[in-house]
C-alpha atoms as a PDB file:
ATOM      1  CA  MET A   1      -6.890  66.179 -27.403  1.00  0.00           C
ATOM      2  CA  LEU A   2      -7.711  67.363 -24.112  1.00  0.00           C
ATOM      3  CA  LYS A   3      -4.923  70.052 -23.940  1.00  0.00           C
ATOM      4  CA  GLN A   4      -5.821  71.352 -27.581  1.00  0.00           C
ATOM      5  CA  SER A   5      -9.438  71.508 -26.224  1.00  0.00           C
ATOM      6  CA  VAL A   6      -8.392  73.689 -23.165  1.00  0.00           C
ATOM      7  CA  ALA A   7      -5.910  75.925 -25.353  1.00  0.00           C
ATOM      8  CA  GLU A   8      -8.930  76.658 -27.958  1.00  0.00           C
ATOM      9  CA  HIS A   9     -11.493  77.665 -25.184  1.00  0.00           C
ATOM     10  CA  SER A  10     -11.536  80.863 -23.197  1.00  0.00           C
ATOM     11  CA  SER A  11     -10.023  80.807 -19.737  1.00  0.00           C
ATOM     12  CA  GLU A  12     -12.662  83.401 -18.538  1.00  0.00           C
ATOM     13  CA  VAL A  13     -15.176  80.796 -17.517  1.00  0.00           C
ATOM     14  CA  ASN A  14     -14.795  79.788 -13.999  1.00  0.00           C
ATOM     15  CA  CYS A  15     -15.529  76.167 -14.056  1.00  0.00           C
ATOM     16  CA  GLY A  16     -13.622  72.878 -14.045  1.00  0.00           C
ATOM     17  CA  TRP A  17     -13.923  69.034 -14.553  1.00  0.00           C
ATOM     18  CA  ASP A  18     -12.373  65.872 -13.160  1.00  0.00           C
ATOM     19  CA  LEU A  19     -11.917  62.233 -14.849  1.00  0.00           C
ATOM     20  CA  VAL A  20     -12.831  59.861 -12.290  1.00  0.00           C
ATOM     21  CA  PHE A  21     -12.413  56.021 -13.232  1.00  0.00           C
ATOM     22  CA  CYS A  22     -13.565  52.723 -11.620  1.00  0.00           C
ATOM     23  CA  ARG A  23     -16.811  53.811 -10.730  1.00  0.00           C
ATOM     24  CA  SER A  24     -20.232  52.204 -11.268  1.00  0.00           C
ATOM     25  CA  PRO A  25     -23.448  53.976 -10.986  1.00  0.00           C
ATOM     26  CA  LYS A  26     -25.829  52.263  -8.320  1.00  0.00           C
ATOM     27  CA  GLN A  27     -28.560  54.686  -7.616  1.00  0.00           C
ATOM     28  CA  PHE A  28     -30.125  58.178  -8.614  1.00  0.00           C
ATOM     29  CA  GLU A  29     -31.950  60.423  -6.357  1.00  0.00           C
ATOM     30  CA  PRO A  30     -34.195  63.379  -7.297  1.00  0.00           C
ATOM     31  CA  ALA A  31     -33.424  66.859  -6.650  1.00  0.00           C
ATOM     32  CA  ALA A  32     -35.001  68.476  -3.450  1.00  0.00           C
ATOM     33  CA  VAL A  33     -36.595  71.343  -5.622  1.00  0.00           C
ATOM     34  CA  ASP A  34     -37.680  69.269  -8.581  1.00  0.00           C
ATOM     35  CA  SER A  35     -38.558  65.349  -8.210  1.00  0.00           C
ATOM     36  CA  LEU A  36     -38.346  65.109 -12.035  1.00  0.00           C
ATOM     37  CA  SER A  37     -34.582  66.163 -11.982  1.00  0.00           C
ATOM     38  CA  VAL A  38     -31.574  64.273 -10.631  1.00  0.00           C
ATOM     39  CA  GLY A  39     -29.889  65.598  -7.680  1.00  0.00           C
ATOM     40  CA  ARG A  40     -27.463  62.913  -6.489  1.00  0.00           C
ATOM     41  CA  MET A  41     -25.753  59.842  -7.868  1.00  0.00           C
ATOM     42  CA  HIS A  42     -24.638  56.969  -5.728  1.00  0.00           C
ATOM     43  CA  LEU A  43     -21.346  55.235  -7.246  1.00  0.00           C
ATOM     44  CA  ALA A  44     -19.776  51.946  -6.363  1.00  0.00           C
ATOM     45  CA  LYS A  45     -16.014  51.932  -6.238  1.00  0.00           C
ATOM     46  CA  ASN A  46     -14.493  49.328  -8.334  1.00  0.00           C
ATOM     47  CA  GLU A  47     -11.160  47.440  -8.355  1.00  0.00           C
ATOM     48  CA  LEU A  48      -9.481  45.959 -11.165  1.00  0.00           C
ATOM     49  CA  LYS A  49      -8.990  42.225 -10.909  1.00  0.00           C
ATOM     50  CA  GLY A  50      -7.847  39.527 -13.264  1.00  0.00           C
ATOM     51  CA  PRO A  51      -4.995  39.438 -15.802  1.00  0.00           C
ATOM     52  CA  ILE A  52      -3.288  42.568 -16.740  1.00  0.00           C
ATOM     53  CA  ASN A  53      -4.262  42.343 -20.522  1.00  0.00           C
ATOM     54  CA  ASN A  54      -8.013  41.559 -19.705  1.00  0.00           C
ATOM     55  CA  PRO A  55      -8.883  43.067 -16.169  1.00  0.00           C
ATOM     56  CA  GLN A  56     -12.448  43.072 -14.825  1.00  0.00           C
ATOM     57  CA  ALA A  57     -13.927  45.992 -12.870  1.00  0.00           C
ATOM     58  CA  MET A  58     -15.294  44.498  -9.706  1.00  0.00           C
ATOM     59  CA  PRO A  59     -17.365  46.487  -7.259  1.00  0.00           C
ATOM     60  CA  THR A  60     -16.263  46.963  -3.652  1.00  0.00           C
ATOM     61  CA  ASP A  61     -18.417  47.667  -0.591  1.00  0.00           C
ATOM     62  CA  VAL A  62     -17.241  51.438  -0.831  1.00  0.00           C
ATOM     63  CA  THR A  63     -19.873  53.790  -2.253  1.00  0.00           C
ATOM     64  CA  GLU A  64     -19.496  57.526  -3.150  1.00  0.00           C
ATOM     65  CA  VAL A  65     -22.238  60.080  -3.619  1.00  0.00           C
ATOM     66  CA  ILE A  66     -21.909  62.914  -6.035  1.00  0.00           C
ATOM     67  CA  GLU A  67     -24.158  65.979  -6.047  1.00  0.00           C
ATOM     68  CA  CYS A  68     -25.155  66.616  -9.623  1.00  0.00           C
ATOM     69  CA  GLY A  69     -27.845  68.084 -11.846  1.00  0.00           C
ATOM     70  CA  LEU A  70     -27.324  66.351 -15.021  1.00  0.00           C
ATOM     71  CA  VAL A  71     -26.450  62.544 -16.008  1.00  0.00           C
ATOM     72  CA  LEU A  72     -25.305  61.570 -19.490  1.00  0.00           C
ATOM     73  CA  ARG A  73     -25.360  57.919 -20.525  1.00  0.00           C
ATOM     74  CA  SER A  74     -22.058  57.097 -22.498  1.00  0.00           C
ATOM     75  CA  ILE A  75     -22.150  54.953 -25.268  1.00  0.00           C
ATOM     76  CA  GLY A  76     -21.986  51.375 -23.836  1.00  0.00           C
ATOM     77  CA  TYR A  77     -22.843  47.900 -24.645  1.00  0.00           C
ATOM     78  CA  ARG A  78     -24.480  44.858 -22.718  1.00  0.00           C
ATOM     79  CA  SER A  79     -24.908  41.523 -24.356  1.00  0.00           C
ATOM     80  CA  ASN A  80     -28.199  39.489 -24.486  1.00  0.00           C
ATOM     81  CA  GLN A  81     -28.490  35.768 -24.134  1.00  0.00           C
ATOM     82  CA  ILE A  82     -28.916  34.892 -27.683  1.00  0.00           C
ATOM     83  CA  ASP A  83     -30.039  31.216 -26.971  1.00  0.00           C
ATOM     84  CA  ASP A  84     -31.081  29.271 -23.982  1.00  0.00           C
ATOM     85  CA  LEU A  85     -28.387  26.561 -24.852  1.00  0.00           C
ATOM     86  CA  VAL A  86     -25.643  29.258 -24.912  1.00  0.00           C
ATOM     87  CA  PRO A  87     -24.301  29.970 -21.093  1.00  0.00           C
ATOM     88  CA  PHE A  88     -24.677  33.444 -20.174  1.00  0.00           C
ATOM     89  CA  ASP A  89     -23.347  35.506 -17.131  1.00  0.00           C
ATOM     90  CA  SER A  90     -26.398  37.770 -16.618  1.00  0.00           C
ATOM     91  CA  VAL A  91     -24.401  39.758 -13.868  1.00  0.00           C
ATOM     92  CA  LYS A  92     -21.481  40.706 -16.056  1.00  0.00           C
ATOM     93  CA  GLY A  93     -23.554  40.564 -19.498  1.00  0.00           C
ATOM     94  CA  VAL A  94     -21.232  38.363 -21.189  1.00  0.00           C
ATOM     95  CA  VAL A  95     -21.394  34.769 -22.627  1.00  0.00           C
ATOM     96  CA  ALA A  96     -19.505  32.372 -20.083  1.00  0.00           C
ATOM     97  CA  ASN A  97     -16.322  31.542 -21.560  1.00  0.00           C
ATOM     98  CA  GLU A  98     -12.462  31.121 -21.063  1.00  0.00           C
ATOM     99  CA  ASN A  99     -10.241  32.590 -23.463  1.00  0.00           C
ATOM    100  CA  GLY A 100     -13.079  32.829 -25.970  1.00  0.00           C
ATOM    101  CA  ARG A 101     -14.144  29.244 -25.755  1.00  0.00           C
ATOM    102  CA  VAL A 102     -17.812  29.065 -24.436  1.00  0.00           C
ATOM    103  CA  ALA A 103     -18.206  27.035 -21.490  1.00  0.00           C
ATOM    104  CA  GLY A 104     -19.293  23.497 -21.958  1.00  0.00           C
ATOM    105  CA  ILE A 105     -19.813  23.699 -25.700  1.00  0.00           C
ATOM    106  CA  ILE A 106     -16.953  22.487 -27.710  1.00  0.00           C
ATOM    107  CA  GLY A 107     -16.617  24.284 -31.075  1.00  0.00           C
ATOM    108  CA  LEU A 108     -18.488  27.480 -29.878  1.00  0.00           C
ATOM    109  CA  TYR A 109     -16.585  30.600 -29.502  1.00  0.00           C
ATOM    110  CA  CYS A 110     -17.189  34.275 -28.544  1.00  0.00           C
ATOM    111  CA  CYS A 111     -15.030  37.237 -29.030  1.00  0.00           C
ATOM    112  CA  GLY A 112     -15.044  40.953 -28.055  1.00  0.00           C
ATOM    113  CA  TRP A 113     -17.467  42.334 -25.761  1.00  0.00           C
ATOM    114  CA  ALA A 114     -19.693  39.536 -26.021  1.00  0.00           C
ATOM    115  CA  ALA A 115     -16.696  37.789 -24.368  1.00  0.00           C
ATOM    116  CA  SER A 116     -15.280  40.389 -22.160  1.00  0.00           C
ATOM    117  CA  GLY A 117     -17.709  43.176 -21.768  1.00  0.00           C
ATOM    118  CA  PRO A 118     -17.453  46.701 -22.685  1.00  0.00           C
ATOM    119  CA  VAL A 119     -13.799  47.346 -21.888  1.00  0.00           C
ATOM    120  CA  GLY A 120     -11.011  48.879 -24.130  1.00  0.00           C
ATOM    121  CA  VAL A 121     -11.028  50.332 -27.391  1.00  0.00           C
ATOM    122  CA  ILE A 122     -11.661  49.026 -31.012  1.00  0.00           C
ATOM    123  CA  LEU A 123      -7.998  47.835 -31.175  1.00  0.00           C
ATOM    124  CA  THR A 124      -8.684  45.779 -28.066  1.00  0.00           C
ATOM    125  CA  THR A 125     -11.489  43.943 -29.807  1.00  0.00           C
ATOM    126  CA  VAL A 126      -9.213  43.456 -32.853  1.00  0.00           C
ATOM    127  CA  ASP A 127      -6.550  41.894 -30.657  1.00  0.00           C
ATOM    128  CA  HIS A 128      -9.335  39.775 -29.110  1.00  0.00           C
ATOM    129  CA  SER A 129     -10.254  38.429 -32.532  1.00  0.00           C
ATOM    130  CA  TYR A 130      -6.648  37.715 -33.606  1.00  0.00           C
ATOM    131  CA  ASN A 131      -6.022  35.725 -30.364  1.00  0.00           C
ATOM    132  CA  LEU A 132      -9.257  34.093 -30.866  1.00  0.00           C
ATOM    133  CA  SER A 133      -8.176  32.962 -34.304  1.00  0.00           C
ATOM    134  CA  GLN A 134      -5.045  31.372 -32.860  1.00  0.00           C
ATOM    135  CA  ILE A 135      -6.936  29.564 -30.183  1.00  0.00           C
ATOM    136  CA  ILE A 136      -9.244  28.061 -32.949  1.00  0.00           C
ATOM    137  CA  GLY A 137      -6.269  27.043 -35.041  1.00  0.00           C
ATOM    138  CA  GLU A 138      -4.864  25.438 -31.932  1.00  0.00           C
ATOM    139  CA  ASP A 139      -7.892  23.576 -31.295  1.00  0.00           C
ATOM    140  CA  ILE A 140      -7.954  22.245 -34.744  1.00  0.00           C
ATOM    141  CA  ARG A 141      -4.438  21.213 -34.658  1.00  0.00           C
ATOM    142  CA  ILE A 142      -5.001  19.057 -31.459  1.00  0.00           C
ATOM    143  CA  ASN A 143      -8.046  17.680 -32.878  1.00  0.00           C
ATOM    144  CA  ARG A 144     -10.460  19.398 -30.415  1.00  0.00           C
ATOM    145  CA  LEU A 145     -12.371  20.391 -33.391  1.00  0.00           C
ATOM    146  CA  ASN A 146     -13.490  17.974 -35.948  1.00  0.00           C
ATOM    147  CA  VAL A 147     -13.049  19.698 -39.445  1.00  0.00           C
ATOM    148  CA  SER A 148     -13.076  16.549 -41.588  1.00  0.00           C
ATOM    149  CA  GLU A 149     -16.769  16.726 -42.169  1.00  0.00           C
ATOM    150  CA  ALA A 150     -18.255  19.056 -44.702  1.00  0.00           C
ATOM    151  CA  LYS A 151     -20.750  21.337 -43.148  1.00  0.00           C
ATOM    152  CA  GLU A 152     -23.382  23.735 -44.620  1.00  0.00           C
ATOM    153  CA  GLY A 153     -21.728  26.896 -43.181  1.00  0.00           C
ATOM    154  CA  ALA A 154     -23.434  30.164 -44.214  1.00  0.00           C
ATOM    155  CA  ALA A 155     -26.259  28.011 -46.010  1.00  0.00           C
ATOM    156  CA  ALA A 156     -27.422  26.769 -42.756  1.00  0.00           C
ATOM    157  CA  VAL A 157     -27.488  30.289 -41.130  1.00  0.00           C
ATOM    158  CA  LEU A 158     -29.611  31.627 -44.006  1.00  0.00           C
ATOM    159  CA  LYS A 159     -31.825  28.709 -43.884  1.00  0.00           C
ATOM    160  CA  GLN A 160     -32.378  29.232 -40.081  1.00  0.00           C
ATOM    161  CA  LEU A 161     -33.081  32.946 -40.721  1.00  0.00           C
ATOM    162  CA  ARG A 162     -35.573  32.273 -43.391  1.00  0.00           C
ATOM    163  CA  VAL A 163     -37.378  29.936 -40.891  1.00  0.00           C
ATOM    164  CA  LYS A 164     -37.601  32.602 -38.359  1.00  0.00           C
ATOM    165  CA  GLY A 165     -38.671  35.386 -40.813  1.00  0.00           C
ATOM    166  CA  VAL A 166     -35.489  37.258 -40.406  1.00  0.00           C
ATOM    167  CA  GLN A 167     -34.275  39.400 -43.611  1.00  0.00           C
ATOM    168  CA  PRO A 168     -30.536  39.461 -43.712  1.00  0.00           C
ATOM    169  CA  VAL A 169     -28.855  42.518 -45.579  1.00  0.00           C
ATOM    170  CA  THR A 170     -26.353  41.082 -48.102  1.00  0.00           C
ATOM    171  CA  PHE A 171     -22.869  42.745 -48.516  1.00  0.00           C
ATOM    172  CA  ALA A 172     -24.083  44.186 -51.627  1.00  0.00           C
ATOM    173  CA  GLY A 173     -27.060  45.616 -49.707  1.00  0.00           C
ATOM    174  CA  TRP A 174     -24.704  47.248 -47.072  1.00  0.00           C
ATOM    175  CA  GLU A 175     -22.709  48.627 -49.848  1.00  0.00           C
ATOM    176  CA  LYS A 176     -25.906  50.411 -51.059  1.00  0.00           C
ATOM    177  CA  ILE A 177     -26.601  51.920 -47.652  1.00  0.00           C
ATOM    178  CA  ASP A 178     -22.931  53.192 -47.224  1.00  0.00           C
ATOM    179  CA  GLU A 179     -23.110  55.024 -50.482  1.00  0.00           C
ATOM    180  CA  GLU A 180     -26.220  56.569 -49.687  1.00  0.00           C
ATOM    181  CA  GLU A 181     -25.242  57.688 -46.269  1.00  0.00           C
ATOM    182  CA  ARG A 182     -21.918  59.151 -47.767  1.00  0.00           C
ATOM    183  CA  ARG A 183     -24.056  61.008 -50.389  1.00  0.00           C
ATOM    184  CA  ARG A 184     -26.309  62.545 -47.835  1.00  0.00           C
ATOM    185  CA  GLY A 185     -23.271  63.557 -45.683  1.00  0.00           C
ATOM    186  CA  LEU A 186     -21.740  65.140 -48.484  1.00  0.00           C
ATOM    187  CA  LYS A 187     -24.706  67.446 -48.848  1.00  0.00           C
ATOM    188  CA  ARG A 188     -24.037  68.479 -45.216  1.00  0.00           C
ATOM    189  CA  GLY A 189     -20.490  68.823 -45.410  1.00  0.00           C
ATOM    190  CA  LYS A 190     -19.574  65.921 -43.202  1.00  0.00           C
ATOM    191  CA  PRO A 191     -18.461  62.152 -44.054  1.00  0.00           C
ATOM    192  CA  ARG A 192     -21.727  60.563 -43.780  1.00  0.00           C
ATOM    193  CA  GLU A 193     -25.376  61.208 -42.534  1.00  0.00           C
ATOM    194  CA  LYS A 194     -26.388  58.054 -40.826  1.00  0.00           C
ATOM    195  CA  MET A 195     -29.655  56.484 -41.371  1.00  0.00           C
ATOM    196  CA  THR A 196     -31.722  55.712 -38.059  1.00  0.00           C
ATOM    197  CA  SER A 197     -34.676  53.832 -39.505  1.00  0.00           C
ATOM    198  CA  VAL A 198     -34.109  50.110 -40.037  1.00  0.00           C
ATOM    199  CA  GLU A 199     -37.130  50.197 -42.387  1.00  0.00           C
ATOM    200  CA  GLU A 200     -35.186  52.968 -44.455  1.00  0.00           C
ATOM    201  CA  MET A 201     -31.996  51.048 -44.499  1.00  0.00           C
ATOM    202  CA  LEU A 202     -33.757  47.830 -45.751  1.00  0.00           C
ATOM    203  CA  SER A 203     -35.392  49.859 -48.511  1.00  0.00           C
ATOM    204  CA  VAL A 204     -32.104  51.353 -49.572  1.00  0.00           C
ATOM    205  CA  ALA A 205     -30.488  48.087 -49.622  1.00  0.00           C
ATOM    206  CA  GLY A 206     -33.256  46.898 -51.846  1.00  0.00           C
ATOM    207  CA  GLN A 207     -34.401  44.350 -49.196  1.00  0.00           C
ATOM    208  CA  ARG A 208     -37.922  45.745 -49.064  1.00  0.00           C
END
């Protein structure tokens, strides 16, 4: 993709760019001529530690400074603690876990970026879910999980949502949103036109 992009654009423009990995922003400094604009960025140099299939970027004491006039925030994600009873690592922004098993709570699991932080690509998260399903299966096999008792399941979740005044969107409602976004996108010559208003989504889904 990068080679194709270079080939398609003119070489007359005198500019360049570099990909630098294993860096985390620590501080931004304003420009000397304009205090409302960025002038420099301080970066912590990271090292990858941990297993090769799930390494974690850990900051070192080394700091780099880059002169810059523009900073763009990439699409990222940081988990929030959903409940005080769920152990949470506020530094890493993940649920405290070991291979998806939430620390100290038997029968509670986490997966994807909630477990590992924002690393990898979509297929990485898919692999996490497959691996976690095997772990849950193993816990059932060794009787770590008690599956002999019938539980409410989704009904219990819906009950809690009603108590908290949360309006869930059903799958049928999501299908209406999906259809409407595709219809709007077709008019613009694109796969879909995303809705950005929650109220609008709920209205289209028939939930309001």
